Structure formats: structure tokens, C-alpha cells
Amino acid sequence: MKRLFPIFLILLFLTSCQTRVVSAQKPIQPNSLELYQKYTIQTNDAQLIKMEVLRQDNEKVYGKLKTGEEVIVEKSNIREAKKVDVLSSVAIGLAALAAVIFVPI
């Protein structure tokens, strides 16, 4: 049991690094994606695109890959979009670590 707890904490930390902004339950809205933020976008054909959103209009999202290549994704083709959120992940990790240290077993 003691070996499973650290593994569980690591998995929790890794999954909490991203916040789901667009999904089947939350369809894309005009203000769903913030400009100049990095997102992992999954298209309807299961392609993953990690990009920084530069601008968007009614039908398309324009972004830039890490390599500097410009990317255009149709909004109707976006299945899911996740935003990297490191600050909340660090806060969750610190809270879990504090709970382990200060709560007696």
C-alpha cells in the first residue's frame, strides 16, 4: 500500500498539468481559447497538435508550433483542447506533499 501512494501522487500530478478547455461536453465558443497561450489540440482524425494560439476567427484557429511553423485548424475539426496549467499542478503537488508530511498515519 505504501508503494502505491507515491505512484498515485505522480499520476495525479501528471494528469493535473492540463485543463480541458474544449470537449464534447463543452463545445468551442468564441472566447474558449485565449490568445498567446499554449494548447494541445486533438482533431477529429485523432491528430495531436501542440501549438500557441495566435489568432482566431469564426471558422479557424491560427497558431504556431514549437518549430515556428504556422498551423491553421478548422474550429469544426477540433475534438478537444487542453491548456497547460503548471501553476495549479504545482499547488496540487505541494498540497499533497504537505498532507503526507503533516497528517499522521
Protein backbone atom coordinates (compact mmCIF):
# COMPACT_ATOMS: atom_id res chain seq x y z
CA MET A 1 0.00 0.00 0.00
CA LYS A 2 2.83 2.40 0.80
CA ARG A 3 4.35 1.81 -2.64
CA LEU A 4 1.09 2.60 -4.41
CA PHE A 5 0.66 6.00 -2.76
CA PRO A 6 3.70 7.70 -4.40
CA ILE A 7 2.74 6.22 -7.76
CA PHE A 8 -0.79 7.56 -7.30
CA LEU A 9 0.57 11.03 -6.44
CA ILE A 10 2.80 11.09 -9.51
CA LEU A 11 -0.09 10.06 -11.78
CA LEU A 12 -2.33 12.68 -10.20
CA PHE A 13 0.31 15.35 -10.72
CA LEU A 14 0.87 14.41 -14.36
CA THR A 15 -2.83 14.39 -15.23
CA SER A 16 -3.49 17.69 -13.49
CA CYS A 17 -0.97 19.58 -15.62
CA GLN A 18 -3.58 20.18 -18.30
CA THR A 19 -7.03 21.72 -18.11
CA ARG A 20 -9.63 20.62 -20.65
CA VAL A 21 -10.98 23.76 -22.32
CA VAL A 22 -12.93 22.24 -25.22
CA SER A 23 -14.54 18.78 -25.26
CA ALA A 24 -17.72 17.05 -26.39
CA GLN A 25 -19.49 18.38 -23.28
CA LYS A 26 -18.00 21.89 -23.66
CA PRO A 27 -18.13 22.87 -27.36
CA ILE A 28 -15.81 25.56 -28.66
CA GLN A 29 -17.00 29.12 -28.08
CA PRO A 30 -15.58 32.39 -29.47
CA ASN A 31 -13.73 33.01 -26.19
CA SER A 32 -12.77 29.41 -25.34
CA LEU A 33 -9.14 29.76 -26.43
CA GLU A 34 -7.00 32.59 -25.08
CA LEU A 35 -4.55 34.26 -27.42
CA TYR A 36 -0.81 33.59 -26.99
CA GLN A 37 -1.44 30.58 -24.74
CA LYS A 38 -0.18 27.06 -25.46
CA TYR A 39 -2.75 24.34 -26.12
CA THR A 40 -2.76 20.69 -27.04
CA ILE A 41 -5.48 20.32 -29.66
CA GLN A 42 -6.88 16.96 -30.72
CA THR A 43 -8.63 16.97 -34.07
CA ASN A 44 -11.47 14.71 -35.19
CA ASP A 45 -8.97 12.47 -37.01
CA ALA A 46 -7.09 11.90 -33.68
CA GLN A 47 -4.14 14.12 -34.59
CA LEU A 48 -2.48 15.92 -31.65
CA ILE A 49 -1.22 19.44 -32.29
CA LYS A 50 0.74 21.34 -29.62
CA MET A 51 0.58 24.98 -30.57
CA GLU A 52 0.44 28.55 -29.36
CA VAL A 53 -2.78 30.27 -30.45
CA LEU A 54 -2.00 33.48 -32.33
CA ARG A 55 -5.48 34.47 -33.52
CA GLN A 56 -8.89 33.06 -34.33
CA ASP A 57 -11.93 33.92 -36.38
CA ASN A 58 -15.39 32.37 -36.72
CA GLU A 59 -14.20 29.25 -38.57
CA LYS A 60 -10.46 28.80 -37.95
CA VAL A 61 -7.79 28.92 -35.25
CA TYR A 62 -4.35 30.14 -36.30
CA GLY A 63 -1.31 29.10 -34.32
CA LYS A 64 2.39 28.41 -34.29
CA LEU A 65 4.18 25.16 -33.49
CA LYS A 66 7.32 24.95 -31.37
CA THR A 67 9.36 24.69 -34.56
CA GLY A 68 7.96 28.04 -35.76
CA GLU A 69 5.69 26.52 -38.40
CA GLU A 70 2.30 28.21 -38.81
CA VAL A 71 -0.77 25.97 -38.35
CA ILE A 72 -4.41 26.56 -39.27
CA VAL A 73 -7.08 24.34 -37.66
CA GLU A 74 -10.77 24.49 -38.51
CA LYS A 75 -12.92 25.00 -35.41
CA SER A 76 -15.34 22.35 -36.64
CA ASN A 77 -12.42 19.88 -36.73
CA ILE A 78 -11.42 20.38 -33.06
CA ARG A 79 -12.49 17.49 -30.84
CA GLU A 80 -10.67 18.51 -27.66
CA ALA A 81 -8.36 21.30 -26.49
CA LYS A 82 -6.26 21.19 -23.33
CA LYS A 83 -4.40 24.10 -21.80
CA VAL A 84 -1.16 23.53 -19.92
CA ASP A 85 -1.60 24.82 -16.37
CA VAL A 86 1.63 24.35 -14.41
CA LEU A 87 0.77 26.68 -11.52
CA SER A 88 -2.25 24.67 -10.36
CA SER A 89 -0.27 21.45 -10.80
CA VAL A 90 2.48 22.72 -8.52
CA ALA A 91 -0.13 23.83 -5.96
CA ILE A 92 -1.77 20.39 -6.01
CA GLY A 93 1.61 18.71 -5.64
CA LEU A 94 2.59 20.92 -2.70
CA ALA A 95 -0.77 20.32 -1.01
CA ALA A 96 -0.38 16.56 -1.41
CA LEU A 97 3.18 16.70 -0.08
CA ALA A 98 2.07 18.80 2.91
CA ALA A 99 -0.72 16.32 3.62
CA VAL A 100 1.75 13.44 3.60
CA ILE A 101 4.16 15.25 5.91
CA PHE A 102 1.76 16.81 8.41
CA VAL A 103 -1.07 14.25 8.65
CA PRO A 104 -0.06 11.37 10.94
CA ILE A 105 -0.88 7.88 9.74
